Amino acid sequence: MSDQWQERNKPARLERRYIFDEYSTLRDFLERAAELSEQEDLFPDMGFGKDYANITIYGDEDSKELGDIHHHFAQELDKLFNLKQD
C-alpha cells in the first residue's frame, strides 16, 4: 500500500487522493475501481473532479476498525492507478 494513504481514526478510515493527467484516464480508473469494489464486496466513498479522485475506505460497520481487507483493497487500488499511469 502506498505511503500516500493516510490512516485516520474516529471513524477508522483510509484516505487518498489520486491525480490524473487526463479525464479519460481518471474515468477508466473509476470504472476499474468499481469493478474491484464489486469483486471484493467493499464499497469506499469516491469523489472526483476533472483530474483527481478522492477515495475513503471506512472500517467494518460492526467493529469500526480497519482490517487486512481494507489495506489490501487500498493496495489493489494503487495497482490500478499505477497501471494507468505507465
N, C-alpha and C. Protein backbone atom coordinates (compact mmCIF):
# COMPACT_ATOMS: atom_id res chain seq x y z
N MET A 1 0.85 -1.18 0.00
CA MET A 1 0.00 0.00 0.00
C MET A 1 0.89 1.24 0.00
N SER A 2 0.59 2.18 -0.84
CA SER A 2 1.37 3.40 -0.97
C SER A 2 1.39 4.20 0.33
N ASP A 3 2.49 4.89 0.55
CA ASP A 3 2.57 5.76 1.73
C ASP A 3 1.74 7.03 1.57
N GLN A 4 1.09 7.18 0.42
CA GLN A 4 0.20 8.33 0.22
C GLN A 4 -1.16 8.13 0.88
N TRP A 5 -1.45 6.92 1.29
CA TRP A 5 -2.67 6.67 2.05
C TRP A 5 -2.48 7.22 3.46
N GLN A 6 -3.51 7.86 3.96
CA GLN A 6 -3.48 8.37 5.34
C GLN A 6 -4.50 7.58 6.15
N GLU A 7 -4.04 7.04 7.27
CA GLU A 7 -4.94 6.31 8.16
C GLU A 7 -5.43 7.27 9.23
N ARG A 8 -6.74 7.31 9.39
CA ARG A 8 -7.37 8.22 10.34
C ARG A 8 -8.23 7.43 11.32
N ASN A 9 -8.55 8.08 12.44
CA ASN A 9 -9.41 7.48 13.46
C ASN A 9 -10.69 8.30 13.60
N LYS A 10 -11.67 7.69 14.21
CA LYS A 10 -12.93 8.36 14.57
C LYS A 10 -13.60 9.03 13.39
N PRO A 11 -14.14 8.36 12.46
CA PRO A 11 -14.16 6.90 12.33
C PRO A 11 -12.89 6.38 11.66
N ALA A 12 -12.60 5.12 11.89
CA ALA A 12 -11.42 4.48 11.30
C ALA A 12 -11.58 4.46 9.78
N ARG A 13 -10.55 4.99 9.09
CA ARG A 13 -10.64 5.06 7.63
C ARG A 13 -9.25 5.26 7.02
N LEU A 14 -9.17 4.93 5.73
CA LEU A 14 -8.00 5.22 4.91
C LEU A 14 -8.43 6.23 3.87
N GLU A 15 -7.57 7.23 3.61
CA GLU A 15 -7.89 8.28 2.64
C GLU A 15 -6.72 8.49 1.69
N ARG A 16 -7.07 8.73 0.44
CA ARG A 16 -6.04 9.04 -0.55
C ARG A 16 -6.65 9.84 -1.70
N ARG A 17 -5.84 10.72 -2.25
CA ARG A 17 -6.20 11.45 -3.47
C ARG A 17 -5.29 10.97 -4.58
N TYR A 18 -5.89 10.58 -5.70
CA TYR A 18 -5.15 10.22 -6.91
C TYR A 18 -5.27 11.38 -7.89
N ILE A 19 -4.16 11.74 -8.53
CA ILE A 19 -4.12 12.81 -9.51
C ILE A 19 -3.87 12.20 -10.89
N PHE A 20 -4.61 12.70 -11.90
CA PHE A 20 -4.54 12.17 -13.26
C PHE A 20 -4.20 13.28 -14.25
N ASP A 21 -3.52 12.91 -15.34
CA ASP A 21 -3.17 13.86 -16.38
C ASP A 21 -4.34 14.17 -17.31
N GLU A 22 -5.21 13.18 -17.48
CA GLU A 22 -6.33 13.33 -18.41
C GLU A 22 -7.61 12.79 -17.79
N TYR A 23 -8.72 13.40 -18.15
CA TYR A 23 -10.01 12.95 -17.65
C TYR A 23 -10.31 11.52 -18.08
N SER A 24 -9.93 11.16 -19.29
CA SER A 24 -10.21 9.80 -19.78
C SER A 24 -9.49 8.74 -18.93
N THR A 25 -8.30 9.06 -18.46
CA THR A 25 -7.56 8.14 -17.59
C THR A 25 -8.25 8.03 -16.24
N LEU A 26 -8.72 9.14 -15.73
CA LEU A 26 -9.48 9.14 -14.47
C LEU A 26 -10.73 8.29 -14.61
N ARG A 27 -11.47 8.48 -15.68
CA ARG A 27 -12.71 7.74 -15.89
C ARG A 27 -12.44 6.24 -15.96
N ASP A 28 -11.38 5.85 -16.65
CA ASP A 28 -11.02 4.43 -16.75
C ASP A 28 -10.67 3.87 -15.37
N PHE A 29 -9.93 4.64 -14.59
CA PHE A 29 -9.58 4.22 -13.23
C PHE A 29 -10.84 4.00 -12.39
N LEU A 30 -11.79 4.93 -12.46
CA LEU A 30 -13.02 4.81 -11.68
C LEU A 30 -13.83 3.58 -12.10
N GLU A 31 -13.86 3.28 -13.38
CA GLU A 31 -14.56 2.08 -13.85
C GLU A 31 -13.90 0.82 -13.31
N ARG A 32 -12.59 0.77 -13.34
CA ARG A 32 -11.87 -0.39 -12.81
C ARG A 32 -12.02 -0.49 -11.29
N ALA A 33 -12.03 0.65 -10.62
CA ALA A 33 -12.22 0.66 -9.17
C ALA A 33 -13.62 0.14 -8.82
N ALA A 34 -14.61 0.49 -9.62
CA ALA A 34 -15.97 -0.01 -9.40
C ALA A 34 -16.03 -1.53 -9.57
N GLU A 35 -15.34 -2.04 -10.58
CA GLU A 35 -15.27 -3.49 -10.78
C GLU A 35 -14.60 -4.17 -9.59
N LEU A 36 -13.51 -3.58 -9.11
CA LEU A 36 -12.81 -4.12 -7.95
C LEU A 36 -13.73 -4.12 -6.72
N SER A 37 -14.49 -3.06 -6.55
CA SER A 37 -15.42 -2.97 -5.42
C SER A 37 -16.42 -4.11 -5.44
N GLU A 38 -16.98 -4.37 -6.61
CA GLU A 38 -17.95 -5.45 -6.73
C GLU A 38 -17.29 -6.80 -6.47
N GLN A 39 -16.09 -6.98 -6.98
CA GLN A 39 -15.35 -8.23 -6.80
C GLN A 39 -15.03 -8.47 -5.32
N GLU A 40 -14.60 -7.44 -4.62
CA GLU A 40 -14.18 -7.57 -3.22
C GLU A 40 -15.34 -7.34 -2.24
N ASP A 41 -16.48 -6.90 -2.73
CA ASP A 41 -17.64 -6.57 -1.90
C ASP A 41 -17.27 -5.53 -0.84
N LEU A 42 -16.52 -4.53 -1.28
CA LEU A 42 -16.09 -3.43 -0.42
C LEU A 42 -16.31 -2.14 -1.22
N PHE A 43 -17.10 -1.24 -0.65
CA PHE A 43 -17.52 -0.06 -1.41
C PHE A 43 -17.10 1.23 -0.70
N PRO A 44 -15.95 1.77 -1.10
CA PRO A 44 -15.46 3.01 -0.48
C PRO A 44 -16.24 4.22 -0.98
N ASP A 45 -16.08 5.32 -0.29
CA ASP A 45 -16.61 6.59 -0.78
C ASP A 45 -15.64 7.11 -1.84
N MET A 46 -16.19 7.54 -2.97
CA MET A 46 -15.36 8.07 -4.06
C MET A 46 -15.94 9.40 -4.51
N GLY A 47 -15.08 10.39 -4.60
CA GLY A 47 -15.44 11.68 -5.16
C GLY A 47 -14.39 12.04 -6.19
N PHE A 48 -14.79 12.78 -7.22
CA PHE A 48 -13.81 13.11 -8.25
C PHE A 48 -14.11 14.44 -8.89
N GLY A 49 -13.07 14.98 -9.51
CA GLY A 49 -13.16 16.20 -10.30
C GLY A 49 -12.53 15.93 -11.65
N LYS A 50 -12.15 16.98 -12.33
CA LYS A 50 -11.61 16.85 -13.68
C LYS A 50 -10.32 16.02 -13.73
N ASP A 51 -9.47 16.15 -12.71
CA ASP A 51 -8.18 15.48 -12.76
C ASP A 51 -7.80 14.79 -11.45
N TYR A 52 -8.78 14.48 -10.61
CA TYR A 52 -8.46 13.81 -9.35
C TYR A 52 -9.61 12.91 -8.90
N ALA A 53 -9.26 11.96 -8.03
CA ALA A 53 -10.26 11.12 -7.36
C ALA A 53 -9.86 11.04 -5.90
N ASN A 54 -10.79 11.31 -5.02
CA ASN A 54 -10.60 11.13 -3.58
C ASN A 54 -11.30 9.84 -3.18
N ILE A 55 -10.58 8.99 -2.46
CA ILE A 55 -11.15 7.71 -2.04
C ILE A 55 -11.00 7.58 -0.54
N THR A 56 -12.08 7.19 0.12
CA THR A 56 -12.08 6.94 1.56
C THR A 56 -12.62 5.54 1.79
N ILE A 57 -11.82 4.72 2.45
CA ILE A 57 -12.20 3.36 2.79
C ILE A 57 -12.45 3.33 4.30
N TYR A 58 -13.68 3.06 4.67
CA TYR A 58 -14.05 3.01 6.09
C TYR A 58 -13.88 1.61 6.65
N GLY A 59 -13.64 1.55 7.96
CA GLY A 59 -13.54 0.27 8.66
C GLY A 59 -14.87 -0.46 8.68
N ASP A 60 -14.85 -1.68 9.18
CA ASP A 60 -16.05 -2.50 9.26
C ASP A 60 -17.14 -1.81 10.06
N GLU A 61 -18.37 -2.02 9.61
CA GLU A 61 -19.51 -1.42 10.31
C GLU A 61 -19.63 -1.93 11.74
N ASP A 62 -19.38 -3.22 11.94
CA ASP A 62 -19.55 -3.81 13.28
C ASP A 62 -18.44 -3.40 14.24
N SER A 63 -17.20 -3.61 13.83
CA SER A 63 -16.07 -3.36 14.73
C SER A 63 -15.57 -1.93 14.67
N LYS A 64 -15.91 -1.20 13.60
CA LYS A 64 -15.45 0.18 13.41
C LYS A 64 -13.92 0.27 13.31
N GLU A 65 -13.28 -0.84 12.90
CA GLU A 65 -11.83 -0.87 12.78
C GLU A 65 -11.43 -1.24 11.36
N LEU A 66 -10.21 -0.85 11.00
CA LEU A 66 -9.64 -1.24 9.71
C LEU A 66 -8.98 -2.60 9.87
N GLY A 67 -9.14 -3.43 8.87
CA GLY A 67 -8.53 -4.75 8.89
C GLY A 67 -7.68 -4.97 7.65
N ASP A 68 -7.20 -6.19 7.51
CA ASP A 68 -6.37 -6.55 6.37
C ASP A 68 -7.11 -6.33 5.05
N ILE A 69 -8.40 -6.59 5.03
CA ILE A 69 -9.18 -6.43 3.80
C ILE A 69 -9.15 -4.99 3.31
N HIS A 70 -9.17 -4.04 4.22
CA HIS A 70 -9.16 -2.62 3.85
C HIS A 70 -7.80 -2.21 3.30
N HIS A 71 -6.74 -2.67 3.95
CA HIS A 71 -5.39 -2.36 3.48
C HIS A 71 -5.11 -3.04 2.13
N HIS A 72 -5.60 -4.27 1.99
CA HIS A 72 -5.44 -4.98 0.72
C HIS A 72 -6.18 -4.25 -0.41
N PHE A 73 -7.38 -3.79 -0.12
CA PHE A 73 -8.16 -3.06 -1.12
C PHE A 73 -7.42 -1.79 -1.55
N ALA A 74 -6.84 -1.07 -0.59
CA ALA A 74 -6.06 0.13 -0.91
C ALA A 74 -4.88 -0.22 -1.81
N GLN A 75 -4.24 -1.33 -1.51
CA GLN A 75 -3.10 -1.78 -2.31
C GLN A 75 -3.54 -2.11 -3.74
N GLU A 76 -4.70 -2.73 -3.88
CA GLU A 76 -5.21 -3.06 -5.21
C GLU A 76 -5.57 -1.79 -5.99
N LEU A 77 -6.11 -0.79 -5.31
CA LEU A 77 -6.39 0.49 -5.97
C LEU A 77 -5.09 1.13 -6.47
N ASP A 78 -4.04 1.05 -5.66
CA ASP A 78 -2.74 1.58 -6.08
C ASP A 78 -2.25 0.88 -7.34
N LYS A 79 -2.45 -0.43 -7.41
CA LYS A 79 -2.04 -1.18 -8.61
C LYS A 79 -2.80 -0.69 -9.83
N LEU A 80 -4.11 -0.47 -9.67
CA LEU A 80 -4.91 0.05 -10.79
C LEU A 80 -4.40 1.41 -11.23
N PHE A 81 -4.09 2.26 -10.28
CA PHE A 81 -3.58 3.59 -10.59
C PHE A 81 -2.25 3.51 -11.32
N ASN A 82 -1.35 2.66 -10.85
CA ASN A 82 -0.03 2.53 -11.48
C ASN A 82 -0.12 1.94 -12.88
N LEU A 83 -1.09 1.06 -13.12
CA LEU A 83 -1.30 0.52 -14.47
C LEU A 83 -1.64 1.62 -15.45
N LYS A 84 -2.49 2.54 -15.04
CA LYS A 84 -2.97 3.59 -15.93
C LYS A 84 -1.95 4.70 -16.11
N GLN A 85 -0.99 4.81 -15.24
CA GLN A 85 -0.01 5.89 -15.33
C GLN A 85 1.24 5.49 -16.11
N ASP A 86 1.41 4.19 -16.34
CA ASP A 86 2.60 3.72 -17.07
C ASP A 86 2.46 3.91 -18.56
